[in-house]
Amino acid sequence: MKLIESDVANHYSTMQISTASRQKQICMLHDKCVEHIIVALAKDGADKRVRLDKAQNILAQFQAALRTRDNISQSLYYLYDYSYVLLEEDSTESCRKALSVLRVLRDTFRTLLLTL
């Protein structure tokens, strides 16, 4: 059976995610969330909404995974919630605001990963 390129790429992505550490997975999800918003800003209509929905799904998973027992976790929860609401508004300015917040979070988690 001959493998096609998309099957190989999907397999590689799946292996990369499943073998990554928890910290690396968090960074990868932040990357993907930012990527979805950037792509959404270049689209309109249903295509834009699909990308924003994907970003919102990632944000919802982050919120669900947080244990809000300390100030840092609570603050992260509120930042994810704020970004989620901004993406719900579907305006270019709101998407850019959410993108700005999520880029800072992504870069922060990348920096933390490098210090481990």
N, C-alpha and C. Protein backbone atom coordinates (compact mmCIF):
# COMPACT_ATOMS: atom_id res chain seq x y z
N MET A 1 0.84 -1.18 0.00
CA MET A 1 0.00 0.00 0.00
C MET A 1 0.88 1.24 0.00
N LYS A 2 0.58 2.13 -0.87
CA LYS A 2 1.39 3.32 -1.04
C LYS A 2 0.86 4.45 -0.14
N LEU A 3 1.75 5.04 0.65
CA LEU A 3 1.37 6.16 1.51
C LEU A 3 1.41 7.45 0.72
N ILE A 4 0.42 8.29 0.95
CA ILE A 4 0.44 9.59 0.30
C ILE A 4 1.01 10.62 1.28
N GLU A 5 1.43 11.74 0.74
CA GLU A 5 2.11 12.75 1.55
C GLU A 5 1.31 13.21 2.77
N SER A 6 0.01 13.40 2.61
CA SER A 6 -0.79 13.88 3.74
C SER A 6 -0.84 12.84 4.86
N ASP A 7 -0.85 11.55 4.51
CA ASP A 7 -0.83 10.50 5.53
C ASP A 7 0.48 10.52 6.30
N VAL A 8 1.56 10.72 5.60
CA VAL A 8 2.88 10.78 6.23
C VAL A 8 2.95 12.00 7.14
N ALA A 9 2.48 13.13 6.66
CA ALA A 9 2.50 14.36 7.46
C ALA A 9 1.63 14.20 8.70
N ASN A 10 0.46 13.62 8.55
CA ASN A 10 -0.43 13.39 9.70
C ASN A 10 0.21 12.45 10.72
N HIS A 11 0.84 11.40 10.22
CA HIS A 11 1.51 10.45 11.12
C HIS A 11 2.64 11.15 11.87
N TYR A 12 3.42 11.94 11.16
CA TYR A 12 4.52 12.66 11.79
C TYR A 12 4.00 13.61 12.87
N SER A 13 2.94 14.35 12.56
CA SER A 13 2.36 15.28 13.53
C SER A 13 1.85 14.54 14.75
N THR A 14 1.18 13.44 14.53
CA THR A 14 0.65 12.65 15.65
C THR A 14 1.78 12.14 16.54
N MET A 15 2.84 11.64 15.93
CA MET A 15 3.99 11.15 16.70
C MET A 15 4.67 12.29 17.46
N GLN A 16 4.79 13.43 16.82
CA GLN A 16 5.43 14.58 17.46
C GLN A 16 4.65 15.00 18.70
N ILE A 17 3.34 15.01 18.61
CA ILE A 17 2.50 15.41 19.74
C ILE A 17 2.51 14.35 20.83
N SER A 18 2.35 13.09 20.45
CA SER A 18 2.23 12.03 21.47
C SER A 18 3.54 11.77 22.21
N THR A 19 4.66 12.08 21.60
CA THR A 19 5.95 11.84 22.27
C THR A 19 6.49 13.09 22.97
N ALA A 20 5.84 14.21 22.80
CA ALA A 20 6.31 15.46 23.42
C ALA A 20 5.97 15.47 24.91
N SER A 21 6.78 16.18 25.67
CA SER A 21 6.49 16.35 27.10
C SER A 21 5.25 17.21 27.26
N ARG A 22 4.68 17.18 28.42
CA ARG A 22 3.48 17.98 28.71
C ARG A 22 3.75 19.46 28.47
N GLN A 23 4.92 19.93 28.89
CA GLN A 23 5.29 21.33 28.71
C GLN A 23 5.39 21.68 27.23
N LYS A 24 5.98 20.79 26.46
CA LYS A 24 6.12 21.02 25.01
C LYS A 24 4.75 21.02 24.34
N GLN A 25 3.84 20.16 24.78
CA GLN A 25 2.49 20.12 24.23
C GLN A 25 1.76 21.44 24.48
N ILE A 26 1.96 22.01 25.65
CA ILE A 26 1.34 23.30 25.96
C ILE A 26 1.87 24.37 25.01
N CYS A 27 3.17 24.37 24.75
CA CYS A 27 3.76 25.33 23.80
C CYS A 27 3.21 25.10 22.40
N MET A 28 3.09 23.86 22.02
CA MET A 28 2.58 23.54 20.68
C MET A 28 1.14 24.01 20.52
N LEU A 29 0.34 23.85 21.57
CA LEU A 29 -1.05 24.31 21.50
C LEU A 29 -1.15 25.82 21.42
N HIS A 30 -0.28 26.51 22.15
CA HIS A 30 -0.26 27.97 22.03
C HIS A 30 0.13 28.39 20.62
N ASP A 31 1.11 27.71 20.05
CA ASP A 31 1.52 27.98 18.67
C ASP A 31 0.34 27.80 17.72
N LYS A 32 -0.37 26.70 17.88
CA LYS A 32 -1.49 26.39 16.99
C LYS A 32 -2.62 27.40 17.15
N CYS A 33 -2.88 27.83 18.36
CA CYS A 33 -3.92 28.82 18.62
C CYS A 33 -3.58 30.14 17.92
N VAL A 34 -2.35 30.58 18.08
CA VAL A 34 -1.89 31.81 17.42
C VAL A 34 -1.98 31.65 15.90
N GLU A 35 -1.57 30.50 15.40
CA GLU A 35 -1.62 30.25 13.96
C GLU A 35 -3.05 30.34 13.42
N HIS A 36 -4.00 29.76 14.15
CA HIS A 36 -5.40 29.82 13.71
C HIS A 36 -5.91 31.26 13.63
N ILE A 37 -5.53 32.08 14.59
CA ILE A 37 -5.98 33.47 14.58
C ILE A 37 -5.34 34.24 13.43
N ILE A 38 -4.06 34.01 13.19
CA ILE A 38 -3.38 34.69 12.08
C ILE A 38 -4.04 34.32 10.76
N VAL A 39 -4.32 33.06 10.56
CA VAL A 39 -4.97 32.62 9.32
C VAL A 39 -6.37 33.21 9.23
N ALA A 40 -7.08 33.24 10.35
CA ALA A 40 -8.45 33.79 10.36
C ALA A 40 -8.46 35.26 9.95
N LEU A 41 -7.44 36.00 10.37
CA LEU A 41 -7.38 37.42 10.02
C LEU A 41 -7.22 37.63 8.51
N ALA A 42 -6.71 36.63 7.82
CA ALA A 42 -6.54 36.73 6.37
C ALA A 42 -7.76 36.23 5.60
N LYS A 43 -8.74 35.70 6.31
CA LYS A 43 -9.93 35.14 5.66
C LYS A 43 -11.16 35.95 6.05
N ASP A 44 -12.28 35.57 5.47
CA ASP A 44 -13.55 36.18 5.87
C ASP A 44 -14.66 35.14 5.77
N GLY A 45 -15.79 35.47 6.33
CA GLY A 45 -16.94 34.59 6.26
C GLY A 45 -16.77 33.31 7.05
N ALA A 46 -17.26 32.22 6.48
CA ALA A 46 -17.26 30.92 7.15
C ALA A 46 -15.86 30.41 7.42
N ASP A 47 -14.93 30.66 6.49
CA ASP A 47 -13.55 30.21 6.68
C ASP A 47 -12.92 30.86 7.91
N LYS A 48 -13.20 32.13 8.09
CA LYS A 48 -12.67 32.86 9.25
C LYS A 48 -13.26 32.29 10.53
N ARG A 49 -14.56 32.06 10.53
CA ARG A 49 -15.23 31.55 11.73
C ARG A 49 -14.73 30.17 12.12
N VAL A 50 -14.46 29.33 11.13
CA VAL A 50 -13.94 27.99 11.41
C VAL A 50 -12.60 28.08 12.14
N ARG A 51 -11.72 28.94 11.66
CA ARG A 51 -10.41 29.12 12.30
C ARG A 51 -10.54 29.69 13.71
N LEU A 52 -11.43 30.67 13.87
CA LEU A 52 -11.63 31.26 15.19
C LEU A 52 -12.23 30.23 16.15
N ASP A 53 -13.12 29.39 15.65
CA ASP A 53 -13.69 28.33 16.48
C ASP A 53 -12.61 27.36 16.95
N LYS A 54 -11.69 27.03 16.07
CA LYS A 54 -10.58 26.14 16.44
C LYS A 54 -9.72 26.78 17.53
N ALA A 55 -9.44 28.05 17.38
CA ALA A 55 -8.67 28.77 18.41
C ALA A 55 -9.44 28.79 19.72
N GLN A 56 -10.74 29.02 19.66
CA GLN A 56 -11.55 29.03 20.87
C GLN A 56 -11.59 27.65 21.53
N ASN A 57 -11.59 26.60 20.74
CA ASN A 57 -11.57 25.25 21.30
C ASN A 57 -10.29 25.01 22.09
N ILE A 58 -9.18 25.49 21.56
CA ILE A 58 -7.91 25.35 22.28
C ILE A 58 -7.96 26.14 23.59
N LEU A 59 -8.48 27.36 23.53
CA LEU A 59 -8.60 28.18 24.74
C LEU A 59 -9.50 27.52 25.77
N ALA A 60 -10.59 26.93 25.33
CA ALA A 60 -11.51 26.24 26.25
C ALA A 60 -10.81 25.06 26.92
N GLN A 61 -9.98 24.35 26.17
CA GLN A 61 -9.23 23.22 26.75
C GLN A 61 -8.22 23.71 27.77
N PHE A 62 -7.58 24.83 27.48
CA PHE A 62 -6.66 25.40 28.47
C PHE A 62 -7.41 25.76 29.75
N GLN A 63 -8.55 26.38 29.61
CA GLN A 63 -9.33 26.76 30.78
C GLN A 63 -9.77 25.54 31.58
N ALA A 64 -10.21 24.51 30.89
CA ALA A 64 -10.68 23.30 31.57
C ALA A 64 -9.55 22.59 32.30
N ALA A 65 -8.34 22.69 31.78
CA ALA A 65 -7.20 22.00 32.38
C ALA A 65 -6.60 22.72 33.57
N LEU A 66 -6.88 24.02 33.70
CA LEU A 66 -6.28 24.80 34.79
C LEU A 66 -6.88 24.44 36.13
N ARG A 67 -6.01 24.37 37.13
CA ARG A 67 -6.46 24.24 38.52
C ARG A 67 -6.28 25.62 39.14
N THR A 68 -7.38 26.31 39.29
CA THR A 68 -7.31 27.73 39.70
C THR A 68 -7.21 27.86 41.22
N ARG A 69 -6.12 27.34 41.76
CA ARG A 69 -5.92 27.40 43.21
C ARG A 69 -4.98 28.52 43.63
N ASP A 70 -4.33 29.12 42.66
CA ASP A 70 -3.39 30.20 42.99
C ASP A 70 -3.62 31.38 42.04
N ASN A 71 -2.97 32.48 42.33
CA ASN A 71 -3.18 33.71 41.55
C ASN A 71 -2.73 33.57 40.10
N ILE A 72 -1.65 32.86 39.88
CA ILE A 72 -1.15 32.70 38.50
C ILE A 72 -2.17 31.93 37.67
N SER A 73 -2.66 30.82 38.19
CA SER A 73 -3.66 30.03 37.46
C SER A 73 -4.94 30.81 37.22
N GLN A 74 -5.37 31.54 38.22
CA GLN A 74 -6.58 32.36 38.06
C GLN A 74 -6.36 33.43 36.99
N SER A 75 -5.21 34.05 36.99
CA SER A 75 -4.91 35.07 36.00
C SER A 75 -4.86 34.48 34.59
N LEU A 76 -4.25 33.32 34.46
CA LEU A 76 -4.23 32.64 33.16
C LEU A 76 -5.65 32.33 32.69
N TYR A 77 -6.47 31.87 33.62
CA TYR A 77 -7.86 31.56 33.29
C TYR A 77 -8.56 32.80 32.73
N TYR A 78 -8.37 33.93 33.38
CA TYR A 78 -9.01 35.17 32.93
C TYR A 78 -8.46 35.64 31.59
N LEU A 79 -7.17 35.46 31.36
CA LEU A 79 -6.59 35.83 30.07
C LEU A 79 -7.14 34.96 28.94
N TYR A 80 -7.26 33.67 29.20
CA TYR A 80 -7.86 32.78 28.20
C TYR A 80 -9.32 33.14 27.96
N ASP A 81 -10.04 33.44 29.02
CA ASP A 81 -11.45 33.81 28.90
C ASP A 81 -11.61 35.12 28.12
N TYR A 82 -10.77 36.09 28.43
CA TYR A 82 -10.79 37.38 27.74
C TYR A 82 -10.54 37.18 26.24
N SER A 83 -9.53 36.37 25.93
CA SER A 83 -9.21 36.09 24.53
C SER A 83 -10.36 35.36 23.83
N TYR A 84 -10.97 34.43 24.53
CA TYR A 84 -12.10 33.68 23.98
C TYR A 84 -13.24 34.63 23.60
N VAL A 85 -13.55 35.54 24.51
CA VAL A 85 -14.64 36.51 24.27
C VAL A 85 -14.28 37.43 23.10
N LEU A 86 -13.04 37.87 23.04
CA LEU A 86 -12.61 38.71 21.92
C LEU A 86 -12.79 37.99 20.59
N LEU A 87 -12.46 36.72 20.54
CA LEU A 87 -12.61 35.96 19.31
C LEU A 87 -14.08 35.74 18.96
N GLU A 88 -14.92 35.72 19.96
CA GLU A 88 -16.36 35.57 19.73
C GLU A 88 -16.92 36.79 19.00
N GLU A 89 -16.33 37.96 19.27
CA GLU A 89 -16.80 39.19 18.63
C GLU A 89 -16.55 39.19 17.13
N ASP A 90 -15.53 38.47 16.69
CA ASP A 90 -15.30 38.24 15.26
C ASP A 90 -14.86 39.48 14.48
N SER A 91 -14.51 40.56 15.16
CA SER A 91 -14.03 41.74 14.44
C SER A 91 -12.52 41.67 14.31
N THR A 92 -11.99 42.35 13.33
CA THR A 92 -10.55 42.33 13.10
C THR A 92 -9.80 42.90 14.31
N GLU A 93 -10.30 43.99 14.86
CA GLU A 93 -9.64 44.60 16.02
C GLU A 93 -9.66 43.67 17.23
N SER A 94 -10.77 43.02 17.47
CA SER A 94 -10.86 42.09 18.60
C SER A 94 -9.92 40.90 18.40
N CYS A 95 -9.85 40.41 17.19
CA CYS A 95 -8.95 39.28 16.89
C CYS A 95 -7.50 39.70 17.10
N ARG A 96 -7.16 40.90 16.71
CA ARG A 96 -5.79 41.39 16.90
C ARG A 96 -5.45 41.54 18.39
N LYS A 97 -6.43 41.98 19.18
CA LYS A 97 -6.21 42.09 20.63
C LYS A 97 -5.96 40.71 21.23
N ALA A 98 -6.79 39.75 20.84
CA ALA A 98 -6.63 38.38 21.34
C ALA A 98 -5.28 37.82 20.89
N LEU A 99 -4.91 38.08 19.66
CA LEU A 99 -3.64 37.62 19.13
C LEU A 99 -2.47 38.20 19.93
N SER A 100 -2.58 39.45 20.29
CA SER A 100 -1.53 40.10 21.07
C SER A 100 -1.36 39.42 22.43
N VAL A 101 -2.45 39.15 23.10
CA VAL A 101 -2.41 38.48 24.41
C VAL A 101 -1.82 37.09 24.26
N LEU A 102 -2.29 36.35 23.28
CA LEU A 102 -1.86 34.97 23.11
C LEU A 102 -0.40 34.85 22.65
N ARG A 103 0.07 35.81 21.91
CA ARG A 103 1.49 35.81 21.53
C ARG A 103 2.38 35.99 22.76
N VAL A 104 1.97 36.86 23.66
CA VAL A 104 2.74 37.06 24.89
C VAL A 104 2.74 35.77 25.71
N LEU A 105 1.58 35.13 25.83
CA LEU A 105 1.52 33.87 26.58
C LEU A 105 2.36 32.79 25.90
N ARG A 106 2.26 32.69 24.59
CA ARG A 106 3.04 31.71 23.83
C ARG A 106 4.54 31.92 24.06
N ASP A 107 4.98 33.17 23.94
CA ASP A 107 6.39 33.47 24.12
C ASP A 107 6.85 33.21 25.55
N THR A 108 5.98 33.48 26.51
CA THR A 108 6.30 33.21 27.91
C THR A 108 6.47 31.72 28.15
N PHE A 109 5.54 30.92 27.62
CA PHE A 109 5.66 29.47 27.80
C PHE A 109 6.88 28.91 27.07
N ARG A 110 7.21 29.47 25.92
CA ARG A 110 8.43 29.04 25.20
C ARG A 110 9.66 29.31 26.05
N THR A 111 9.71 30.50 26.65
CA THR A 111 10.85 30.87 27.49
C THR A 111 10.95 29.94 28.70
N LEU A 112 9.80 29.64 29.30
CA LEU A 112 9.80 28.73 30.44
C LEU A 112 10.28 27.33 30.05
N LEU A 113 9.87 26.89 28.86
CA LEU A 113 10.29 25.57 28.38
C LEU A 113 11.80 25.52 28.21
N LEU A 114 12.38 26.58 27.73
CA LEU A 114 13.84 26.61 27.52
C LEU A 114 14.62 26.58 28.84
N THR A 115 13.99 27.03 29.93
CA THR A 115 14.68 27.04 31.22
C THR A 115 14.57 25.72 31.96
N LEU A 116 13.75 24.81 31.46
CA LEU A 116 13.60 23.51 32.14
C LEU A 116 14.74 22.58 31.86
